[in-house]
Amino acid sequence: MEPNVLVKTRQVDQNIVQSVLPRSVEEYKDQIGKDVVVTLDTENYLPADACGGIELSALNGRIRVPNTLESRLELISAQLLPAVRTALFGRNANRKFTD
C-alpha cells in the first residue's frame, strides 16, 4: 500500500468526502496496520455530470483506482456478460468451458 494517496471527487461532494476522510484513514490504519496520508484534491475534480464516487491516485497518478458509480457499473456489466449471453442465446454446445 502506498503511504501517500490523493482523493479526487466531484466539487459538490467535496464537503462530504472531507468529513469522512479522518474516519476512513483510522479504519484503514486499524485494518491494515500502516499509516497513510490522504489528501483531498481541491484543484482537480471529477466531472460535474458524473454520478458520484471518488478516484484514488498515488505515485503522481501512476496508480489510479476509480471508485465511481460509472466504473463499478462497467465492472459489473463485464462480469455479467457471460450470463447475459447464455440467457439470450442459450448454452453454446461448442464451448467446453464457460466464462
PDB file of N, CA and C in Angstrom:
ATOM      1  N   MET A   1       0.829  -1.176   0.000  1.00  0.00           N
ATOM      2  CA  MET A   1       0.000   0.000   0.000  1.00  0.00           C
ATOM      3  C   MET A   1       0.881   1.251   0.000  1.00  0.00           C
ATOM      4  N   GLU A   2       0.426   2.223  -0.720  1.00  0.00           N
ATOM      5  CA  GLU A   2       1.180   3.468  -0.845  1.00  0.00           C
ATOM      6  C   GLU A   2       0.961   4.357   0.388  1.00  0.00           C
ATOM      7  N   PRO A   3       1.997   5.050   0.846  1.00  0.00           N
ATOM      8  CA  PRO A   3       1.851   5.879   2.048  1.00  0.00           C
ATOM      9  C   PRO A   3       1.166   7.218   1.798  1.00  0.00           C
ATOM     10  N   ASN A   4       1.145   7.691   0.547  1.00  0.00           N
ATOM     11  CA  ASN A   4       0.516   8.970   0.213  1.00  0.00           C
ATOM     12  C   ASN A   4      -0.514   8.752  -0.881  1.00  0.00           C
ATOM     13  N   VAL A   5      -1.742   9.166  -0.617  1.00  0.00           N
ATOM     14  CA  VAL A   5      -2.845   8.952  -1.553  1.00  0.00           C
ATOM     15  C   VAL A   5      -3.567  10.271  -1.766  1.00  0.00           C
ATOM     16  N   LEU A   6      -3.938  10.526  -3.015  1.00  0.00           N
ATOM     17  CA  LEU A   6      -4.697  11.716  -3.381  1.00  0.00           C
ATOM     18  C   LEU A   6      -6.112  11.284  -3.741  1.00  0.00           C
ATOM     19  N   VAL A   7      -7.110  11.963  -3.187  1.00  0.00           N
ATOM     20  CA  VAL A   7      -8.514  11.640  -3.437  1.00  0.00           C
ATOM     21  C   VAL A   7      -9.123  12.733  -4.298  1.00  0.00           C
ATOM     22  N   LYS A   8      -9.735  12.307  -5.395  1.00  0.00           N
ATOM     23  CA  LYS A   8     -10.413  13.243  -6.290  1.00  0.00           C
ATOM     24  C   LYS A   8     -11.904  12.914  -6.260  1.00  0.00           C
ATOM     25  N   THR A   9     -12.740  13.939  -6.189  1.00  0.00           N
ATOM     26  CA  THR A   9     -14.185  13.766  -6.154  1.00  0.00           C
ATOM     27  C   THR A   9     -14.841  14.895  -6.940  1.00  0.00           C
ATOM     28  N   ARG A  10     -16.164  14.843  -7.039  1.00  0.00           N
ATOM     29  CA  ARG A  10     -16.861  15.968  -7.663  1.00  0.00           C
ATOM     30  C   ARG A  10     -16.795  17.158  -6.711  1.00  0.00           C
ATOM     31  N   GLN A  11     -16.853  18.348  -7.265  1.00  0.00           N
ATOM     32  CA  GLN A  11     -16.761  19.548  -6.432  1.00  0.00           C
ATOM     33  C   GLN A  11     -17.930  19.623  -5.451  1.00  0.00           C
ATOM     34  N   VAL A  12     -19.118  19.198  -5.863  1.00  0.00           N
ATOM     35  CA  VAL A  12     -20.280  19.272  -4.969  1.00  0.00           C
ATOM     36  C   VAL A  12     -20.185  18.264  -3.826  1.00  0.00           C
ATOM     37  N   ASP A  13     -19.369  17.215  -3.977  1.00  0.00           N
ATOM     38  CA  ASP A  13     -19.214  16.196  -2.936  1.00  0.00           C
ATOM     39  C   ASP A  13     -18.006  16.442  -2.042  1.00  0.00           C
ATOM     40  N   GLN A  14     -17.305  17.526  -2.267  1.00  0.00           N
ATOM     41  CA  GLN A  14     -16.060  17.791  -1.556  1.00  0.00           C
ATOM     42  C   GLN A  14     -16.252  17.836  -0.039  1.00  0.00           C
ATOM     43  N   ASN A  15     -17.286  18.491   0.445  1.00  0.00           N
ATOM     44  CA  ASN A  15     -17.502  18.595   1.896  1.00  0.00           C
ATOM     45  C   ASN A  15     -17.823  17.246   2.518  1.00  0.00           C
ATOM     46  N   ILE A  16     -18.593  16.431   1.826  1.00  0.00           N
ATOM     47  CA  ILE A  16     -18.933  15.098   2.342  1.00  0.00           C
ATOM     48  C   ILE A  16     -17.678  14.247   2.449  1.00  0.00           C
ATOM     49  N   VAL A  17     -16.883  14.246   1.396  1.00  0.00           N
ATOM     50  CA  VAL A  17     -15.656  13.446   1.394  1.00  0.00           C
ATOM     51  C   VAL A  17     -14.700  13.949   2.467  1.00  0.00           C
ATOM     52  N   GLN A  18     -14.574  15.249   2.607  1.00  0.00           N
ATOM     53  CA  GLN A  18     -13.692  15.821   3.631  1.00  0.00           C
ATOM     54  C   GLN A  18     -14.130  15.398   5.025  1.00  0.00           C
ATOM     55  N   SER A  19     -15.426  15.287   5.247  1.00  0.00           N
ATOM     56  CA  SER A  19     -15.917  14.922   6.577  1.00  0.00           C
ATOM     57  C   SER A  19     -15.675  13.451   6.920  1.00  0.00           C
ATOM     58  N   VAL A  20     -15.616  12.566   5.928  1.00  0.00           N
ATOM     59  CA  VAL A  20     -15.417  11.139   6.213  1.00  0.00           C
ATOM     60  C   VAL A  20     -13.956  10.703   6.106  1.00  0.00           C
ATOM     61  N   LEU A  21     -13.082  11.564   5.615  1.00  0.00           N
ATOM     62  CA  LEU A  21     -11.676  11.184   5.449  1.00  0.00           C
ATOM     63  C   LEU A  21     -10.995  10.770   6.755  1.00  0.00           C
ATOM     64  N   PRO A  22     -11.095  11.532   7.836  1.00  0.00           N
ATOM     65  CA  PRO A  22     -10.401  11.112   9.063  1.00  0.00           C
ATOM     66  C   PRO A  22     -10.852   9.738   9.563  1.00  0.00           C
ATOM     67  N   ARG A  23     -12.137   9.492   9.527  1.00  0.00           N
ATOM     68  CA  ARG A  23     -12.659   8.199   9.978  1.00  0.00           C
ATOM     69  C   ARG A  23     -12.189   7.073   9.049  1.00  0.00           C
ATOM     70  N   SER A  24     -12.128   7.351   7.756  1.00  0.00           N
ATOM     71  CA  SER A  24     -11.675   6.353   6.787  1.00  0.00           C
ATOM     72  C   SER A  24     -10.201   6.016   6.982  1.00  0.00           C
ATOM     73  N   VAL A  25      -9.394   7.030   7.257  1.00  0.00           N
ATOM     74  CA  VAL A  25      -7.969   6.803   7.494  1.00  0.00           C
ATOM     75  C   VAL A  25      -7.773   5.965   8.751  1.00  0.00           C
ATOM     76  N   GLU A  26      -8.518   6.250   9.799  1.00  0.00           N
ATOM     77  CA  GLU A  26      -8.417   5.467  11.037  1.00  0.00           C
ATOM     78  C   GLU A  26      -8.836   4.016  10.806  1.00  0.00           C
ATOM     79  N   GLU A  27      -9.899   3.810  10.060  1.00  0.00           N
ATOM     80  CA  GLU A  27     -10.353   2.447   9.767  1.00  0.00           C
ATOM     81  C   GLU A  27      -9.309   1.701   8.940  1.00  0.00           C
ATOM     82  N   TYR A  28      -8.709   2.378   7.984  1.00  0.00           N
ATOM     83  CA  TYR A  28      -7.635   1.782   7.186  1.00  0.00           C
ATOM     84  C   TYR A  28      -6.477   1.371   8.088  1.00  0.00           C
ATOM     85  N   LYS A  29      -6.083   2.281   8.983  1.00  0.00           N
ATOM     86  CA  LYS A  29      -4.966   2.011   9.882  1.00  0.00           C
ATOM     87  C   LYS A  29      -5.271   0.818  10.787  1.00  0.00           C
ATOM     88  N   ASP A  30      -6.504   0.715  11.270  1.00  0.00           N
ATOM     89  CA  ASP A  30      -6.890  -0.404  12.126  1.00  0.00           C
ATOM     90  C   ASP A  30      -6.857  -1.730  11.373  1.00  0.00           C
ATOM     91  N   GLN A  31      -7.319  -1.734  10.135  1.00  0.00           N
ATOM     92  CA  GLN A  31      -7.413  -2.979   9.378  1.00  0.00           C
ATOM     93  C   GLN A  31      -6.087  -3.398   8.754  1.00  0.00           C
ATOM     94  N   ILE A  32      -5.316  -2.454   8.251  1.00  0.00           N
ATOM     95  CA  ILE A  32      -4.084  -2.772   7.536  1.00  0.00           C
ATOM     96  C   ILE A  32      -2.863  -2.693   8.443  1.00  0.00           C
ATOM     97  N   GLY A  33      -2.907  -1.798   9.416  1.00  0.00           N
ATOM     98  CA  GLY A  33      -1.788  -1.644  10.334  1.00  0.00           C
ATOM     99  C   GLY A  33      -0.691  -0.716   9.841  1.00  0.00           C
ATOM    100  N   LYS A  34      -0.966   0.059   8.797  1.00  0.00           N
ATOM    101  CA  LYS A  34       0.010   1.007   8.267  1.00  0.00           C
ATOM    102  C   LYS A  34      -0.593   2.401   8.252  1.00  0.00           C
ATOM    103  N   ASP A  35       0.281   3.385   8.381  1.00  0.00           N
ATOM    104  CA  ASP A  35      -0.170   4.773   8.293  1.00  0.00           C
ATOM    105  C   ASP A  35      -0.293   5.178   6.831  1.00  0.00           C
ATOM    106  N   VAL A  36      -1.225   6.067   6.563  1.00  0.00           N
ATOM    107  CA  VAL A  36      -1.410   6.593   5.216  1.00  0.00           C
ATOM    108  C   VAL A  36      -1.768   8.068   5.334  1.00  0.00           C
ATOM    109  N   VAL A  37      -1.251   8.860   4.415  1.00  0.00           N
ATOM    110  CA  VAL A  37      -1.577  10.282   4.348  1.00  0.00           C
ATOM    111  C   VAL A  37      -2.511  10.464   3.161  1.00  0.00           C
ATOM    112  N   VAL A  38      -3.739  10.859   3.444  1.00  0.00           N
ATOM    113  CA  VAL A  38      -4.747  11.038   2.400  1.00  0.00           C
ATOM    114  C   VAL A  38      -5.006  12.526   2.239  1.00  0.00           C
ATOM    115  N   THR A  39      -4.891  13.000   0.997  1.00  0.00           N
ATOM    116  CA  THR A  39      -5.088  14.408   0.687  1.00  0.00           C
ATOM    117  C   THR A  39      -6.226  14.542  -0.302  1.00  0.00           C
ATOM    118  N   LEU A  40      -7.130  15.462  -0.032  1.00  0.00           N
ATOM    119  CA  LEU A  40      -8.236  15.730  -0.945  1.00  0.00           C
ATOM    120  C   LEU A  40      -7.769  16.718  -2.004  1.00  0.00           C
ATOM    121  N   ASP A  41      -7.933  16.360  -3.265  1.00  0.00           N
ATOM    122  CA  ASP A  41      -7.531  17.223  -4.381  1.00  0.00           C
ATOM    123  C   ASP A  41      -8.556  18.343  -4.516  1.00  0.00           C
ATOM    124  N   THR A  42      -8.133  19.565  -4.237  1.00  0.00           N
ATOM    125  CA  THR A  42      -9.043  20.713  -4.311  1.00  0.00           C
ATOM    126  C   THR A  42      -8.826  21.548  -5.563  1.00  0.00           C
ATOM    127  N   GLU A  43      -8.001  21.051  -6.479  1.00  0.00           N
ATOM    128  CA  GLU A  43      -7.772  21.767  -7.735  1.00  0.00           C
ATOM    129  C   GLU A  43      -8.373  21.039  -8.929  1.00  0.00           C
ATOM    130  N   ASN A  44      -8.330  19.724  -8.905  1.00  0.00           N
ATOM    131  CA  ASN A  44      -8.864  18.910  -9.994  1.00  0.00           C
ATOM    132  C   ASN A  44     -10.025  18.085  -9.459  1.00  0.00           C
ATOM    133  N   TYR A  45     -11.137  18.146 -10.135  1.00  0.00           N
ATOM    134  CA  TYR A  45     -12.343  17.455  -9.683  1.00  0.00           C
ATOM    135  C   TYR A  45     -12.799  16.456 -10.737  1.00  0.00           C
ATOM    136  N   LEU A  46     -13.601  15.502 -10.296  1.00  0.00           N
ATOM    137  CA  LEU A  46     -14.272  14.624 -11.243  1.00  0.00           C
ATOM    138  C   LEU A  46     -15.301  15.451 -11.998  1.00  0.00           C
ATOM    139  N   PRO A  47     -15.720  15.011 -13.174  1.00  0.00           N
ATOM    140  CA  PRO A  47     -16.707  15.789 -13.940  1.00  0.00           C
ATOM    141  C   PRO A  47     -17.992  16.016 -13.151  1.00  0.00           C
ATOM    142  N   ALA A  48     -18.582  17.176 -13.328  1.00  0.00           N
ATOM    143  CA  ALA A  48     -19.805  17.523 -12.597  1.00  0.00           C
ATOM    144  C   ALA A  48     -20.972  16.637 -13.000  1.00  0.00           C
ATOM    145  N   ASP A  49     -20.950  16.094 -14.222  1.00  0.00           N
ATOM    146  CA  ASP A  49     -22.056  15.241 -14.662  1.00  0.00           C
ATOM    147  C   ASP A  49     -21.873  13.786 -14.241  1.00  0.00           C
ATOM    148  N   ALA A  50     -20.797  13.477 -13.520  1.00  0.00           N
ATOM    149  CA  ALA A  50     -20.594  12.124 -13.001  1.00  0.00           C
ATOM    150  C   ALA A  50     -21.618  11.859 -11.902  1.00  0.00           C
ATOM    151  N   CYS A  51     -21.917  10.589 -11.692  1.00  0.00           N
ATOM    152  CA  CYS A  51     -22.944  10.224 -10.700  1.00  0.00           C
ATOM    153  C   CYS A  51     -22.419  10.202  -9.273  1.00  0.00           C
ATOM    154  N   GLY A  52     -21.141  10.327  -9.091  1.00  0.00           N
ATOM    155  CA  GLY A  52     -20.598  10.346  -7.740  1.00  0.00           C
ATOM    156  C   GLY A  52     -19.520   9.300  -7.563  1.00  0.00           C
ATOM    157  N   GLY A  53     -18.900   9.329  -6.409  1.00  0.00           N
ATOM    158  CA  GLY A  53     -17.817   8.416  -6.109  1.00  0.00           C
ATOM    159  C   GLY A  53     -16.515   9.172  -5.954  1.00  0.00           C
ATOM    160  N   ILE A  54     -15.438   8.414  -5.858  1.00  0.00           N
ATOM    161  CA  ILE A  54     -14.117   9.010  -5.716  1.00  0.00           C
ATOM    162  C   ILE A  54     -13.143   8.318  -6.652  1.00  0.00           C
ATOM    163  N   GLU A  55     -11.999   8.950  -6.813  1.00  0.00           N
ATOM    164  CA  GLU A  55     -10.895   8.349  -7.551  1.00  0.00           C
ATOM    165  C   GLU A  55      -9.647   8.540  -6.711  1.00  0.00           C
ATOM    166  N   LEU A  56      -8.994   7.439  -6.371  1.00  0.00           N
ATOM    167  CA  LEU A  56      -7.768   7.485  -5.590  1.00  0.00           C
ATOM    168  C   LEU A  56      -6.587   7.407  -6.538  1.00  0.00           C
ATOM    169  N   SER A  57      -5.529   8.144  -6.237  1.00  0.00           N
ATOM    170  CA  SER A  57      -4.323   8.039  -7.048  1.00  0.00           C
ATOM    171  C   SER A  57      -3.102   8.151  -6.146  1.00  0.00           C
ATOM    172  N   ALA A  58      -2.034   7.513  -6.597  1.00  0.00           N
ATOM    173  CA  ALA A  58      -0.771   7.537  -5.871  1.00  0.00           C
ATOM    174  C   ALA A  58       0.361   7.566  -6.887  1.00  0.00           C
ATOM    175  N   LEU A  59       1.542   7.850  -6.407  1.00  0.00           N
ATOM    176  CA  LEU A  59       2.733   7.918  -7.256  1.00  0.00           C
ATOM    177  C   LEU A  59       2.530   8.849  -8.439  1.00  0.00           C
ATOM    178  N   ASN A  60       2.068  10.051  -8.144  1.00  0.00           N
ATOM    179  CA  ASN A  60       1.837  11.085  -9.164  1.00  0.00           C
ATOM    180  C   ASN A  60       0.911  10.614 -10.276  1.00  0.00           C
ATOM    181  N   GLY A  61      -0.099   9.844  -9.914  1.00  0.00           N
ATOM    182  CA  GLY A  61      -1.091   9.408 -10.886  1.00  0.00           C
ATOM    183  C   GLY A  61      -0.748   8.121 -11.606  1.00  0.00           C
ATOM    184  N   ARG A  62       0.391   7.516 -11.319  1.00  0.00           N
ATOM    185  CA  ARG A  62       0.741   6.259 -11.990  1.00  0.00           C
ATOM    186  C   ARG A  62      -0.118   5.107 -11.493  1.00  0.00           C
ATOM    187  N   ILE A  63      -0.572   5.182 -10.255  1.00  0.00           N
ATOM    188  CA  ILE A  63      -1.529   4.211  -9.724  1.00  0.00           C
ATOM    189  C   ILE A  63      -2.840   4.952  -9.551  1.00  0.00           C
ATOM    190  N   ARG A  64      -3.888   4.434 -10.178  1.00  0.00           N
ATOM    191  CA  ARG A  64      -5.185   5.112 -10.146  1.00  0.00           C
ATOM    192  C   ARG A  64      -6.272   4.078  -9.883  1.00  0.00           C
ATOM    193  N   VAL A  65      -7.124   4.358  -8.907  1.00  0.00           N
ATOM    194  CA  VAL A  65      -8.225   3.463  -8.568  1.00  0.00           C
ATOM    195  C   VAL A  65      -9.527   4.245  -8.670  1.00  0.00           C
ATOM    196  N   PRO A  66     -10.244   4.085  -9.782  1.00  0.00           N
ATOM    197  CA  PRO A  66     -11.539   4.763  -9.893  1.00  0.00           C
ATOM    198  C   PRO A  66     -12.599   3.994  -9.113  1.00  0.00           C
ATOM    199  N   ASN A  67     -13.297   4.662  -8.248  1.00  0.00           N
ATOM    200  CA  ASN A  67     -14.365   4.047  -7.467  1.00  0.00           C
ATOM    201  C   ASN A  67     -15.612   4.914  -7.610  1.00  0.00           C
ATOM    202  N   THR A  68     -15.995   5.121  -8.863  1.00  0.00           N
ATOM    203  CA  THR A  68     -17.187   5.903  -9.163  1.00  0.00           C
ATOM    204  C   THR A  68     -18.311   4.957  -9.544  1.00  0.00           C
ATOM    205  N   LEU A  69     -19.514   5.469  -9.596  1.00  0.00           N
ATOM    206  CA  LEU A  69     -20.644   4.639  -9.991  1.00  0.00           C
ATOM    207  C   LEU A  69     -20.442   4.103 -11.406  1.00  0.00           C
ATOM    208  N   GLU A  70     -19.955   4.944 -12.307  1.00  0.00           N
ATOM    209  CA  GLU A  70     -19.736   4.516 -13.687  1.00  0.00           C
ATOM    210  C   GLU A  70     -18.722   3.383 -13.767  1.00  0.00           C
ATOM    211  N   SER A  71     -17.615   3.491 -13.027  1.00  0.00           N
ATOM    212  CA  SER A  71     -16.591   2.449 -13.081  1.00  0.00           C
ATOM    213  C   SER A  71     -17.103   1.138 -12.492  1.00  0.00           C
ATOM    214  N   ARG A  72     -17.918   1.213 -11.456  1.00  0.00           N
ATOM    215  CA  ARG A  72     -18.483  -0.007 -10.876  1.00  0.00           C
ATOM    216  C   ARG A  72     -19.493  -0.660 -11.814  1.00  0.00           C
ATOM    217  N   LEU A  73     -20.292   0.151 -12.503  1.00  0.00           N
ATOM    218  CA  LEU A  73     -21.236  -0.405 -13.470  1.00  0.00           C
ATOM    219  C   LEU A  73     -20.511  -1.062 -14.639  1.00  0.00           C
ATOM    220  N   GLU A  74     -19.398  -0.494 -15.070  1.00  0.00           N
ATOM    221  CA  GLU A  74     -18.598  -1.112 -16.131  1.00  0.00           C
ATOM    222  C   GLU A  74     -18.065  -2.468 -15.687  1.00  0.00           C
ATOM    223  N   LEU A  75     -17.580  -2.557 -14.450  1.00  0.00           N
ATOM    224  CA  LEU A  75     -17.094  -3.829 -13.923  1.00  0.00           C
ATOM    225  C   LEU A  75     -18.200  -4.876 -13.876  1.00  0.00           C
ATOM    226  N   ILE A  76     -19.346  -4.480 -13.361  1.00  0.00           N
ATOM    227  CA  ILE A  76     -20.463  -5.414 -13.236  1.00  0.00           C
ATOM    228  C   ILE A  76     -20.934  -5.882 -14.604  1.00  0.00           C
ATOM    229  N   SER A  77     -21.027  -4.969 -15.561  1.00  0.00           N
ATOM    230  CA  SER A  77     -21.505  -5.365 -16.887  1.00  0.00           C
ATOM    231  C   SER A  77     -20.534  -6.336 -17.542  1.00  0.00           C
ATOM    232  N   ALA A  78     -19.238  -6.147 -17.357  1.00  0.00           N
ATOM    233  CA  ALA A  78     -18.257  -7.074 -17.919  1.00  0.00           C
ATOM    234  C   ALA A  78     -18.343  -8.442 -17.247  1.00  0.00           C
ATOM    235  N   GLN A  79     -18.585  -8.467 -15.943  1.00  0.00           N
ATOM    236  CA  GLN A  79     -18.676  -9.732 -15.225  1.00  0.00           C
ATOM    237  C   GLN A  79     -19.961 -10.482 -15.549  1.00  0.00           C
ATOM    238  N   LEU A  80     -21.029  -9.758 -15.846  1.00  0.00           N
ATOM    239  CA  LEU A  80     -22.311 -10.397 -16.134  1.00  0.00           C
ATOM    240  C   LEU A  80     -22.498 -10.756 -17.602  1.00  0.00           C
ATOM    241  N   LEU A  81     -21.585 -10.364 -18.459  1.00  0.00           N
ATOM    242  CA  LEU A  81     -21.728 -10.620 -19.884  1.00  0.00           C
ATOM    243  C   LEU A  81     -21.918 -12.101 -20.217  1.00  0.00           C
ATOM    244  N   PRO A  82     -21.167 -13.040 -19.639  1.00  0.00           N
ATOM    245  CA  PRO A  82     -21.420 -14.453 -19.939  1.00  0.00           C
ATOM    246  C   PRO A  82     -22.828 -14.912 -19.552  1.00  0.00           C
ATOM    247  N   ALA A  83     -23.328 -14.449 -18.422  1.00  0.00           N
ATOM    248  CA  ALA A  83     -24.678 -14.835 -18.002  1.00  0.00           C
ATOM    249  C   ALA A  83     -25.728 -14.244 -18.930  1.00  0.00           C
ATOM    250  N   VAL A  84     -25.524 -13.021 -19.374  1.00  0.00           N
ATOM    251  CA  VAL A  84     -26.459 -12.390 -20.305  1.00  0.00           C
ATOM    252  C   VAL A  84     -26.440 -13.130 -21.640  1.00  0.00           C
ATOM    253  N   ARG A  85     -25.245 -13.485 -22.111  1.00  0.00           N
ATOM    254  CA  ARG A  85     -25.122 -14.222 -23.367  1.00  0.00           C
ATOM    255  C   ARG A  85     -25.868 -15.556 -23.283  1.00  0.00           C
ATOM    256  N   THR A  86     -25.705 -16.287 -22.184  1.00  0.00           N
ATOM    257  CA  THR A  86     -26.392 -17.566 -22.009  1.00  0.00           C
ATOM    258  C   THR A  86     -27.896 -17.373 -21.916  1.00  0.00           C
ATOM    259  N   ALA A  87     -28.337 -16.332 -21.217  1.00  0.00           N
ATOM    260  CA  ALA A  87     -29.776 -16.077 -21.086  1.00  0.00           C
ATOM    261  C   ALA A  87     -30.398 -15.730 -22.432  1.00  0.00           C
ATOM    262  N   LEU A  88     -29.676 -15.003 -23.269  1.00  0.00           N
ATOM    263  CA  LEU A  88     -30.221 -14.601 -24.568  1.00  0.00           C
ATOM    264  C   LEU A  88     -30.150 -15.709 -25.611  1.00  0.00           C
ATOM    265  N   PHE A  89     -29.024 -16.419 -25.667  1.00  0.00           N
ATOM    266  CA  PHE A  89     -28.787 -17.353 -26.762  1.00  0.00           C
ATOM    267  C   PHE A  89     -28.712 -18.809 -26.335  1.00  0.00           C
ATOM    268  N   GLY A  90     -28.786 -19.085 -25.046  1.00  0.00           N
ATOM    269  CA  GLY A  90     -28.666 -20.459 -24.570  1.00  0.00           C
ATOM    270  C   GLY A  90     -27.209 -20.874 -24.473  1.00  0.00           C
ATOM    271  N   ARG A  91     -27.007 -22.071 -23.943  1.00  0.00           N
ATOM    272  CA  ARG A  91     -25.640 -22.568 -23.769  1.00  0.00           C
ATOM    273  C   ARG A  91     -25.077 -22.962 -25.127  1.00  0.00           C
ATOM    274  N   ASN A  92     -23.831 -22.592 -25.375  1.00  0.00           N
ATOM    275  CA  ASN A  92     -23.155 -22.912 -26.622  1.00  0.00           C
ATOM    276  C   ASN A  92     -22.581 -24.317 -26.520  1.00  0.00           C
ATOM    277  N   ALA A  93     -23.039 -25.218 -27.371  1.00  0.00           N
ATOM    278  CA  ALA A  93     -22.585 -26.611 -27.337  1.00  0.00           C
ATOM    279  C   ALA A  93     -21.125 -26.744 -27.755  1.00  0.00           C
ATOM    280  N   ASN A  94     -20.591 -25.781 -28.469  1.00  0.00           N
ATOM    281  CA  ASN A  94     -19.206 -25.847 -28.938  1.00  0.00           C
ATOM    282  C   ASN A  94     -18.194 -25.396 -27.889  1.00  0.00           C
ATOM    283  N   ARG A  95     -18.668 -24.851 -26.792  1.00  0.00           N
ATOM    284  CA  ARG A  95     -17.761 -24.377 -25.748  1.00  0.00           C
ATOM    285  C   ARG A  95     -17.574 -25.456 -24.701  1.00  0.00           C
ATOM    286  N   LYS A  96     -16.318 -25.803 -24.442  1.00  0.00           N
ATOM    287  CA  LYS A  96     -16.022 -26.807 -23.430  1.00  0.00           C
ATOM    288  C   LYS A  96     -16.137 -26.208 -22.030  1.00  0.00           C
ATOM    289  N   PHE A  97     -15.673 -24.962 -21.894  1.00  0.00           N
ATOM    290  CA  PHE A  97     -15.722 -24.272 -20.612  1.00  0.00           C
ATOM    291  C   PHE A  97     -16.566 -23.021 -20.763  1.00  0.00           C
ATOM    292  N   THR A  98     -17.224 -22.644 -19.692  1.00  0.00           N
ATOM    293  CA  THR A  98     -17.985 -21.393 -19.718  1.00  0.00           C
ATOM    294  C   THR A  98     -17.216 -20.342 -18.942  1.00  0.00           C
ATOM    295  N   ASP A  99     -17.478 -19.096 -19.231  1.00  0.00           N
ATOM    296  CA  ASP A  99     -16.766 -17.982 -18.585  1.00  0.00           C
ATOM    297  C   ASP A  99     -17.082 -17.889 -17.130  1.00  0.00           C
TER     298      ASP A  99
END
